[in-house]
């Protein structure tokens, strides 16, 4: 006779009851937290420091930089010619617009443009009768050479002043404005120190003054490469 309850095993012992849900489910593994995404590195460069000697005209290159590199500032650092090389080699600037001649040891140097020397004289000087002057026209003139002179050439027939050399080109131009002597400078410096009581005339036959870009031979940053490319006329899509 059948007994109540579950199925019977042989021998009259009931078989163990089966789970209503079937086989036991494995315990779920705890959800793993996603690894944090590392933050994008912050650029470790900038601003770009460009040194510039008096009279330099880097405006067009700076404008191109601002268009091409809007997030990286360009700081223009005034330099005097006597310190131009040290500023580059000591890392005070990343690159510099300099005036040649320059000791190129350890530097990259590319000429940018030449400047015509001019004679700065008082506005009522007899030298203003000509549109341009030659070296021979300066015979007998008192030539003032400031201590920061950037033109290393002599003019035969000129006379030395009886007073100490002025410290700066600006001081020399002030002296010329009083009607004493002349000073020979690159045209950009004549314009920089322009006054109503002085004028200037191009000096034909005198050596031109060369303006160049200089930067370290080793260890130049990508920013330097970018500026050099701008100066050389490369577009933003050009390869080096």
C-alpha atoms as a PDB file:
ATOM      1  CA  UNK A   1       0.000   0.000   0.000  1.00  0.00           C
ATOM      2  CA  UNK A   2       1.336   3.429  -0.889  1.00  0.00           C
ATOM      3  CA  UNK A   3       2.387   5.671   2.000  1.00  0.00           C
ATOM      4  CA  UNK A   4       1.792   9.365   2.258  1.00  0.00           C
ATOM      5  CA  UNK A   5       4.623  11.778   1.665  1.00  0.00           C
ATOM      6  CA  UNK A   6       7.393  11.666  -0.851  1.00  0.00           C
ATOM      7  CA  UNK A   7       8.567   8.801  -2.932  1.00  0.00           C
ATOM      8  CA  UNK A   8       9.758   5.724  -1.153  1.00  0.00           C
ATOM      9  CA  UNK A   9      13.155   4.151  -1.503  1.00  0.00           C
ATOM     10  CA  UNK A  10      13.575   0.481  -1.481  1.00  0.00           C
ATOM     11  CA  UNK A  11      13.593  -0.645   2.132  1.00  0.00           C
ATOM     12  CA  UNK A  12      10.847   1.736   3.132  1.00  0.00           C
ATOM     13  CA  UNK A  13      12.975   4.910   3.776  1.00  0.00           C
ATOM     14  CA  UNK A  14      11.758   8.058   2.152  1.00  0.00           C
ATOM     15  CA  UNK A  15      14.000   9.726  -0.456  1.00  0.00           C
ATOM     16  CA  UNK A  16      15.274  13.230   0.407  1.00  0.00           C
ATOM     17  CA  UNK A  17      13.017  15.970  -0.848  1.00  0.00           C
ATOM     18  CA  UNK A  18      14.243  17.922  -3.891  1.00  0.00           C
ATOM     19  CA  UNK A  19      14.522  21.698  -3.751  1.00  0.00           C
ATOM     20  CA  UNK A  20      11.678  23.511  -5.369  1.00  0.00           C
ATOM     21  CA  UNK A  21      14.107  25.876  -7.066  1.00  0.00           C
ATOM     22  CA  UNK A  22      16.346  23.246  -8.477  1.00  0.00           C
ATOM     23  CA  UNK A  23      20.162  23.356  -8.038  1.00  0.00           C
ATOM     24  CA  UNK A  24      21.613  25.939  -5.604  1.00  0.00           C
ATOM     25  CA  UNK A  25      22.660  29.180  -7.294  1.00  0.00           C
ATOM     26  CA  UNK A  26      26.265  30.400  -6.795  1.00  0.00           C
ATOM     27  CA  UNK A  27      26.640  33.526  -4.731  1.00  0.00           C
ATOM     28  CA  UNK A  28      27.042  36.613  -6.976  1.00  0.00           C
ATOM     29  CA  UNK A  29      30.503  38.152  -7.027  1.00  0.00           C
ATOM     30  CA  UNK A  30      30.692  41.685  -5.710  1.00  0.00           C
ATOM     31  CA  UNK A  31      30.705  44.262  -8.517  1.00  0.00           C
ATOM     32  CA  UNK A  32      34.166  45.591  -9.248  1.00  0.00           C
ATOM     33  CA  UNK A  33      34.542  49.343  -9.171  1.00  0.00           C
ATOM     34  CA  UNK A  34      35.909  50.727 -12.449  1.00  0.00           C
ATOM     35  CA  UNK A  35      39.452  51.961 -12.230  1.00  0.00           C
ATOM     36  CA  UNK A  36      39.600  55.750 -12.225  1.00  0.00           C
ATOM     37  CA  UNK A  37      40.672  57.254 -15.544  1.00  0.00           C
ATOM     38  CA  UNK A  38      43.885  59.210 -15.077  1.00  0.00           C
ATOM     39  CA  UNK A  39      43.481  62.924 -15.649  1.00  0.00           C
ATOM     40  CA  UNK A  40      44.928  64.336 -18.843  1.00  0.00           C
ATOM     41  CA  UNK A  41      48.390  65.730 -18.172  1.00  0.00           C
ATOM     42  CA  UNK A  42      48.603  69.494 -17.907  1.00  0.00           C
ATOM     43  CA  UNK A  43      51.076  70.981 -20.407  1.00  0.00           C
ATOM     44  CA  UNK A  44      54.320  71.721 -18.617  1.00  0.00           C
ATOM     45  CA  UNK A  45      55.361  74.450 -21.028  1.00  0.00           C
ATOM     46  CA  UNK A  46      54.487  78.034 -21.680  1.00  0.00           C
ATOM     47  CA  UNK A  47      54.610  80.894 -21.893  1.00  0.00           C
ATOM     48  CA  UNK A  48      57.042  81.189 -24.773  1.00  0.00           C
ATOM     49  CA  UNK A  49      59.665  83.789 -23.869  1.00  0.00           C
ATOM     50  CA  UNK A  50      60.986  85.722 -26.863  1.00  0.00           C
ATOM     51  CA  UNK A  51      63.855  88.110 -26.269  1.00  0.00           C
ATOM     52  CA  UNK A  52      64.125  91.170 -28.506  1.00  0.00           C
ATOM     53  CA  UNK A  53      66.844  93.782 -28.894  1.00  0.00           C
ATOM     54  CA  UNK A  54      65.900  97.467 -29.271  1.00  0.00           C
ATOM     55  CA  UNK A  55      64.426  98.242 -32.669  1.00  0.00           C
ATOM     56  CA  UNK A  56      63.447  94.639 -33.440  1.00  0.00           C
ATOM     57  CA  UNK A  57      60.176  94.244 -35.324  1.00  0.00           C
ATOM     58  CA  UNK A  58      58.690  90.808 -34.529  1.00  0.00           C
ATOM     59  CA  UNK A  59      55.080  91.992 -34.777  1.00  0.00           C
ATOM     60  CA  UNK A  60      54.009  89.875 -37.754  1.00  0.00           C
ATOM     61  CA  UNK A  61      55.432  86.702 -36.200  1.00  0.00           C
ATOM     62  CA  UNK A  62      53.773  87.425 -32.865  1.00  0.00           C
ATOM     63  CA  UNK A  63      50.432  87.913 -34.629  1.00  0.00           C
ATOM     64  CA  UNK A  64      50.837  84.540 -36.345  1.00  0.00           C
ATOM     65  CA  UNK A  65      51.723  82.941 -33.000  1.00  0.00           C
ATOM     66  CA  UNK A  66      48.552  84.287 -31.381  1.00  0.00           C
ATOM     67  CA  UNK A  67      46.474  82.844 -34.207  1.00  0.00           C
ATOM     68  CA  UNK A  68      48.202  79.471 -34.251  1.00  0.00           C
ATOM     69  CA  UNK A  69      48.832  79.043 -30.511  1.00  0.00           C
ATOM     70  CA  UNK A  70      45.938  80.874 -28.820  1.00  0.00           C
ATOM     71  CA  UNK A  71      46.269  78.986 -25.522  1.00  0.00           C
ATOM     72  CA  UNK A  72      49.967  79.630 -25.017  1.00  0.00           C
ATOM     73  CA  UNK A  73      51.085  83.160 -24.234  1.00  0.00           C
ATOM     74  CA  UNK A  74      54.117  84.744 -25.860  1.00  0.00           C
ATOM     75  CA  UNK A  75      56.069  87.003 -23.514  1.00  0.00           C
ATOM     76  CA  UNK A  76      58.267  89.602 -25.218  1.00  0.00           C
ATOM     77  CA  UNK A  77      61.401  90.169 -23.122  1.00  0.00           C
ATOM     78  CA  UNK A  78      63.410  93.354 -23.852  1.00  0.00           C
ATOM     79  CA  UNK A  79      67.155  92.755 -24.210  1.00  0.00           C
ATOM     80  CA  UNK A  80      70.180  94.939 -24.702  1.00  0.00           C
ATOM     81  CA  UNK A  81      72.668  93.874 -27.343  1.00  0.00           C
ATOM     82  CA  UNK A  82      75.456  93.450 -24.791  1.00  0.00           C
ATOM     83  CA  UNK A  83      73.420  90.780 -22.965  1.00  0.00           C
ATOM     84  CA  UNK A  84      71.650  89.144 -25.900  1.00  0.00           C
ATOM     85  CA  UNK A  85      73.786  85.998 -26.054  1.00  0.00           C
ATOM     86  CA  UNK A  86      73.821  85.389 -22.300  1.00  0.00           C
ATOM     87  CA  UNK A  87      70.042  85.691 -22.161  1.00  0.00           C
ATOM     88  CA  UNK A  88      69.744  82.742 -24.550  1.00  0.00           C
ATOM     89  CA  UNK A  89      72.511  80.538 -23.166  1.00  0.00           C
ATOM     90  CA  UNK A  90      71.395  81.029 -19.544  1.00  0.00           C
ATOM     91  CA  UNK A  91      67.814  80.138 -20.350  1.00  0.00           C
ATOM     92  CA  UNK A  92      66.404  83.557 -19.501  1.00  0.00           C
ATOM     93  CA  UNK A  93      64.541  83.415 -22.821  1.00  0.00           C
ATOM     94  CA  UNK A  94      63.595  80.513 -25.083  1.00  0.00           C
ATOM     95  CA  UNK A  95      64.756  82.318 -28.227  1.00  0.00           C
ATOM     96  CA  UNK A  96      65.798  85.852 -29.092  1.00  0.00           C
ATOM     97  CA  UNK A  97      65.854  88.320 -31.927  1.00  0.00           C
ATOM     98  CA  UNK A  98      69.479  89.440 -31.866  1.00  0.00           C
ATOM     99  CA  UNK A  99      71.824  91.674 -33.773  1.00  0.00           C
ATOM    100  CA  UNK A 100      74.878  90.210 -35.477  1.00  0.00           C
ATOM    101  CA  UNK A 101      77.781  89.712 -35.080  1.00  0.00           C
ATOM    102  CA  UNK A 102      77.255  87.100 -32.373  1.00  0.00           C
ATOM    103  CA  UNK A 103      79.321  84.212 -31.030  1.00  0.00           C
ATOM    104  CA  UNK A 104      77.383  81.238 -32.429  1.00  0.00           C
ATOM    105  CA  UNK A 105      78.979  78.550 -30.269  1.00  0.00           C
ATOM    106  CA  UNK A 106      76.141  76.459 -28.810  1.00  0.00           C
ATOM    107  CA  UNK A 107      73.471  78.376 -30.703  1.00  0.00           C
ATOM    108  CA  UNK A 108      71.297  78.022 -33.759  1.00  0.00           C
ATOM    109  CA  UNK A 109      71.245  81.317 -35.663  1.00  0.00           C
ATOM    110  CA  UNK A 110      69.230  82.224 -38.751  1.00  0.00           C
ATOM    111  CA  UNK A 111      69.436  85.715 -40.326  1.00  0.00           C
ATOM    112  CA  UNK A 112      66.080  87.480 -40.586  1.00  0.00           C
ATOM    113  CA  UNK A 113      66.692  90.800 -42.326  1.00  0.00           C
ATOM    114  CA  UNK A 114      69.252  93.557 -42.896  1.00  0.00           C
ATOM    115  CA  UNK A 115      69.004  97.145 -41.751  1.00  0.00           C
ATOM    116  CA  UNK A 116      70.474 100.157 -43.507  1.00  0.00           C
ATOM    117  CA  UNK A 117      72.648 102.365 -41.281  1.00  0.00           C
ATOM    118  CA  UNK A 118      71.545 105.983 -41.116  1.00  0.00           C
ATOM    119  CA  UNK A 119      73.130 109.232 -39.964  1.00  0.00           C
ATOM    120  CA  UNK A 120      71.186 110.992 -37.220  1.00  0.00           C
ATOM    121  CA  UNK A 121      71.781 114.742 -37.199  1.00  0.00           C
ATOM    122  CA  UNK A 122      70.051 117.870 -35.934  1.00  0.00           C
ATOM    123  CA  UNK A 123      67.017 118.960 -37.922  1.00  0.00           C
ATOM    124  CA  UNK A 124      68.803 122.103 -39.153  1.00  0.00           C
ATOM    125  CA  UNK A 125      72.105 120.395 -40.053  1.00  0.00           C
ATOM    126  CA  UNK A 126      73.623 121.060 -43.470  1.00  0.00           C
ATOM    127  CA  UNK A 127      73.629 117.266 -43.963  1.00  0.00           C
ATOM    128  CA  UNK A 128      69.871 117.348 -44.486  1.00  0.00           C
ATOM    129  CA  UNK A 129      70.366 118.987 -47.890  1.00  0.00           C
ATOM    130  CA  UNK A 130      70.926 115.511 -49.385  1.00  0.00           C
ATOM    131  CA  UNK A 131      68.422 112.656 -49.496  1.00  0.00           C
ATOM    132  CA  UNK A 132      71.182 110.192 -48.684  1.00  0.00           C
ATOM    133  CA  UNK A 133      74.788 110.427 -47.552  1.00  0.00           C
ATOM    134  CA  UNK A 134      78.048 108.672 -48.355  1.00  0.00           C
ATOM    135  CA  UNK A 135      80.971 107.989 -46.062  1.00  0.00           C
ATOM    136  CA  UNK A 136      82.882 110.813 -47.756  1.00  0.00           C
ATOM    137  CA  UNK A 137      80.100 113.258 -46.876  1.00  0.00           C
ATOM    138  CA  UNK A 138      80.897 112.763 -43.198  1.00  0.00           C
ATOM    139  CA  UNK A 139      84.488 114.010 -43.365  1.00  0.00           C
ATOM    140  CA  UNK A 140      85.094 116.552 -40.610  1.00  0.00           C
ATOM    141  CA  UNK A 141      81.898 115.672 -38.702  1.00  0.00           C
ATOM    142  CA  UNK A 142      82.031 114.877 -34.988  1.00  0.00           C
ATOM    143  CA  UNK A 143      80.872 111.283 -34.683  1.00  0.00           C
ATOM    144  CA  UNK A 144      79.381 110.351 -31.324  1.00  0.00           C
ATOM    145  CA  UNK A 145      79.659 106.642 -30.520  1.00  0.00           C
ATOM    146  CA  UNK A 146      77.553 105.589 -27.501  1.00  0.00           C
ATOM    147  CA  UNK A 147      78.661 102.809 -25.193  1.00  0.00           C
ATOM    148  CA  UNK A 148      75.855 100.587 -26.442  1.00  0.00           C
ATOM    149  CA  UNK A 149      76.842 101.101 -30.102  1.00  0.00           C
ATOM    150  CA  UNK A 150      75.795  98.187 -32.312  1.00  0.00           C
ATOM    151  CA  UNK A 151      77.678  99.167 -35.479  1.00  0.00           C
ATOM    152  CA  UNK A 152      81.283  98.128 -35.361  1.00  0.00           C
ATOM    153  CA  UNK A 153      82.848 100.102 -38.183  1.00  0.00           C
ATOM    154  CA  UNK A 154      84.986 103.195 -38.468  1.00  0.00           C
ATOM    155  CA  UNK A 155      84.322 106.187 -40.685  1.00  0.00           C
ATOM    156  CA  UNK A 156      87.521 107.726 -41.975  1.00  0.00           C
ATOM    157  CA  UNK A 157      87.751 111.483 -41.675  1.00  0.00           C
ATOM    158  CA  UNK A 158      85.303 111.879 -38.790  1.00  0.00           C
ATOM    159  CA  UNK A 159      86.394 113.431 -35.506  1.00  0.00           C
ATOM    160  CA  UNK A 160      85.962 112.148 -31.968  1.00  0.00           C
ATOM    161  CA  UNK A 161      84.060 114.324 -29.489  1.00  0.00           C
ATOM    162  CA  UNK A 162      85.869 116.026 -26.614  1.00  0.00           C
ATOM    163  CA  UNK A 163      83.469 114.577 -24.075  1.00  0.00           C
ATOM    164  CA  UNK A 164      82.918 111.081 -22.720  1.00  0.00           C
ATOM    165  CA  UNK A 165      80.878 108.672 -24.771  1.00  0.00           C
ATOM    166  CA  UNK A 166      77.179 108.707 -23.830  1.00  0.00           C
ATOM    167  CA  UNK A 167      75.919 105.588 -22.068  1.00  0.00           C
ATOM    168  CA  UNK A 168      73.085 104.889 -24.489  1.00  0.00           C
ATOM    169  CA  UNK A 169      71.977 105.590 -28.031  1.00  0.00           C
ATOM    170  CA  UNK A 170      69.115 107.628 -26.630  1.00  0.00           C
ATOM    171  CA  UNK A 171      71.600 109.849 -24.782  1.00  0.00           C
ATOM    172  CA  UNK A 172      73.633 110.265 -27.972  1.00  0.00           C
ATOM    173  CA  UNK A 173      70.551 111.357 -29.927  1.00  0.00           C
ATOM    174  CA  UNK A 174      69.741 113.920 -27.230  1.00  0.00           C
ATOM    175  CA  UNK A 175      73.231 115.360 -27.653  1.00  0.00           C
ATOM    176  CA  UNK A 176      72.831 115.489 -31.431  1.00  0.00           C
ATOM    177  CA  UNK A 177      69.561 117.378 -30.943  1.00  0.00           C
ATOM    178  CA  UNK A 178      71.544 120.250 -29.419  1.00  0.00           C
ATOM    179  CA  UNK A 179      73.432 120.636 -32.699  1.00  0.00           C
ATOM    180  CA  UNK A 180      76.562 118.785 -31.579  1.00  0.00           C
ATOM    181  CA  UNK A 181      77.819 115.935 -33.746  1.00  0.00           C
ATOM    182  CA  UNK A 182      76.178 113.025 -35.507  1.00  0.00           C
ATOM    183  CA  UNK A 183      75.437 109.435 -34.545  1.00  0.00           C
ATOM    184  CA  UNK A 184      75.249 106.447 -36.900  1.00  0.00           C
ATOM    185  CA  UNK A 185      72.718 103.761 -36.038  1.00  0.00           C
ATOM    186  CA  UNK A 186      70.520 101.156 -37.758  1.00  0.00           C
ATOM    187  CA  UNK A 187      67.352 102.722 -39.150  1.00  0.00           C
ATOM    188  CA  UNK A 188      65.125 101.004 -36.566  1.00  0.00           C
ATOM    189  CA  UNK A 189      67.004 102.713 -33.722  1.00  0.00           C
ATOM    190  CA  UNK A 190      66.741 106.087 -35.436  1.00  0.00           C
ATOM    191  CA  UNK A 191      62.989 105.593 -35.576  1.00  0.00           C
ATOM    192  CA  UNK A 192      62.872 104.328 -31.995  1.00  0.00           C
ATOM    193  CA  UNK A 193      64.598 107.493 -30.721  1.00  0.00           C
ATOM    194  CA  UNK A 194      62.916 109.891 -33.132  1.00  0.00           C
ATOM    195  CA  UNK A 195      62.498 113.494 -32.008  1.00  0.00           C
ATOM    196  CA  UNK A 196      61.184 116.600 -33.713  1.00  0.00           C
ATOM    197  CA  UNK A 197      64.569 118.294 -33.436  1.00  0.00           C
ATOM    198  CA  UNK A 198      66.535 115.536 -35.182  1.00  0.00           C
ATOM    199  CA  UNK A 199      66.304 113.740 -38.498  1.00  0.00           C
ATOM    200  CA  UNK A 200      68.250 111.039 -40.311  1.00  0.00           C
ATOM    201  CA  UNK A 201      69.576 110.165 -43.736  1.00  0.00           C
ATOM    202  CA  UNK A 202      70.530 106.718 -45.159  1.00  0.00           C
ATOM    203  CA  UNK A 203      74.289 106.110 -45.243  1.00  0.00           C
ATOM    204  CA  UNK A 204      75.185 104.588 -48.600  1.00  0.00           C
ATOM    205  CA  UNK A 205      78.191 102.262 -48.711  1.00  0.00           C
ATOM    206  CA  UNK A 206      78.193 101.427 -44.997  1.00  0.00           C
ATOM    207  CA  UNK A 207      77.926  97.792 -43.844  1.00  0.00           C
ATOM    208  CA  UNK A 208      74.355  96.703 -43.201  1.00  0.00           C
ATOM    209  CA  UNK A 209      73.298  95.585 -39.740  1.00  0.00           C
ATOM    210  CA  UNK A 210      71.918  92.025 -39.707  1.00  0.00           C
ATOM    211  CA  UNK A 211      69.101  91.004 -37.368  1.00  0.00           C
ATOM    212  CA  UNK A 212      68.765  87.281 -36.636  1.00  0.00           C
ATOM    213  CA  UNK A 213      66.899  84.713 -34.556  1.00  0.00           C
ATOM    214  CA  UNK A 214      68.963  82.708 -32.064  1.00  0.00           C
ATOM    215  CA  UNK A 215      68.056  79.760 -29.830  1.00  0.00           C
ATOM    216  CA  UNK A 216      69.977  76.999 -28.001  1.00  0.00           C
ATOM    217  CA  UNK A 217      71.563  74.285 -30.113  1.00  0.00           C
ATOM    218  CA  UNK A 218      70.512  71.630 -27.587  1.00  0.00           C
ATOM    219  CA  UNK A 219      67.339  71.190 -25.580  1.00  0.00           C
ATOM    220  CA  UNK A 220      65.038  73.448 -27.572  1.00  0.00           C
ATOM    221  CA  UNK A 221      61.364  72.941 -26.737  1.00  0.00           C
ATOM    222  CA  UNK A 222      58.499  72.283 -29.128  1.00  0.00           C
ATOM    223  CA  UNK A 223      57.483  75.906 -28.651  1.00  0.00           C
ATOM    224  CA  UNK A 224      60.825  77.043 -30.057  1.00  0.00           C
ATOM    225  CA  UNK A 225      60.354  74.728 -33.028  1.00  0.00           C
ATOM    226  CA  UNK A 226      56.909  76.214 -33.580  1.00  0.00           C
ATOM    227  CA  UNK A 227      58.195  79.792 -33.530  1.00  0.00           C
ATOM    228  CA  UNK A 228      61.103  78.950 -35.824  1.00  0.00           C
ATOM    229  CA  UNK A 229      58.587  77.440 -38.233  1.00  0.00           C
ATOM    230  CA  UNK A 230      56.532  80.635 -38.127  1.00  0.00           C
ATOM    231  CA  UNK A 231      59.603  82.738 -38.857  1.00  0.00           C
ATOM    232  CA  UNK A 232      60.544  80.467 -41.745  1.00  0.00           C
ATOM    233  CA  UNK A 233      57.061  80.749 -43.194  1.00  0.00           C
ATOM    234  CA  UNK A 234      55.830  77.231 -42.497  1.00  0.00           C
ATOM    235  CA  UNK A 235      52.075  76.843 -42.239  1.00  0.00           C
ATOM    236  CA  UNK A 236      50.330  75.010 -39.405  1.00  0.00           C
ATOM    237  CA  UNK A 237      50.019  71.952 -41.687  1.00  0.00           C
ATOM    238  CA  UNK A 238      53.643  71.943 -42.808  1.00  0.00           C
ATOM    239  CA  UNK A 239      56.076  69.298 -41.653  1.00  0.00           C
ATOM    240  CA  UNK A 240      59.468  70.272 -40.330  1.00  0.00           C
END
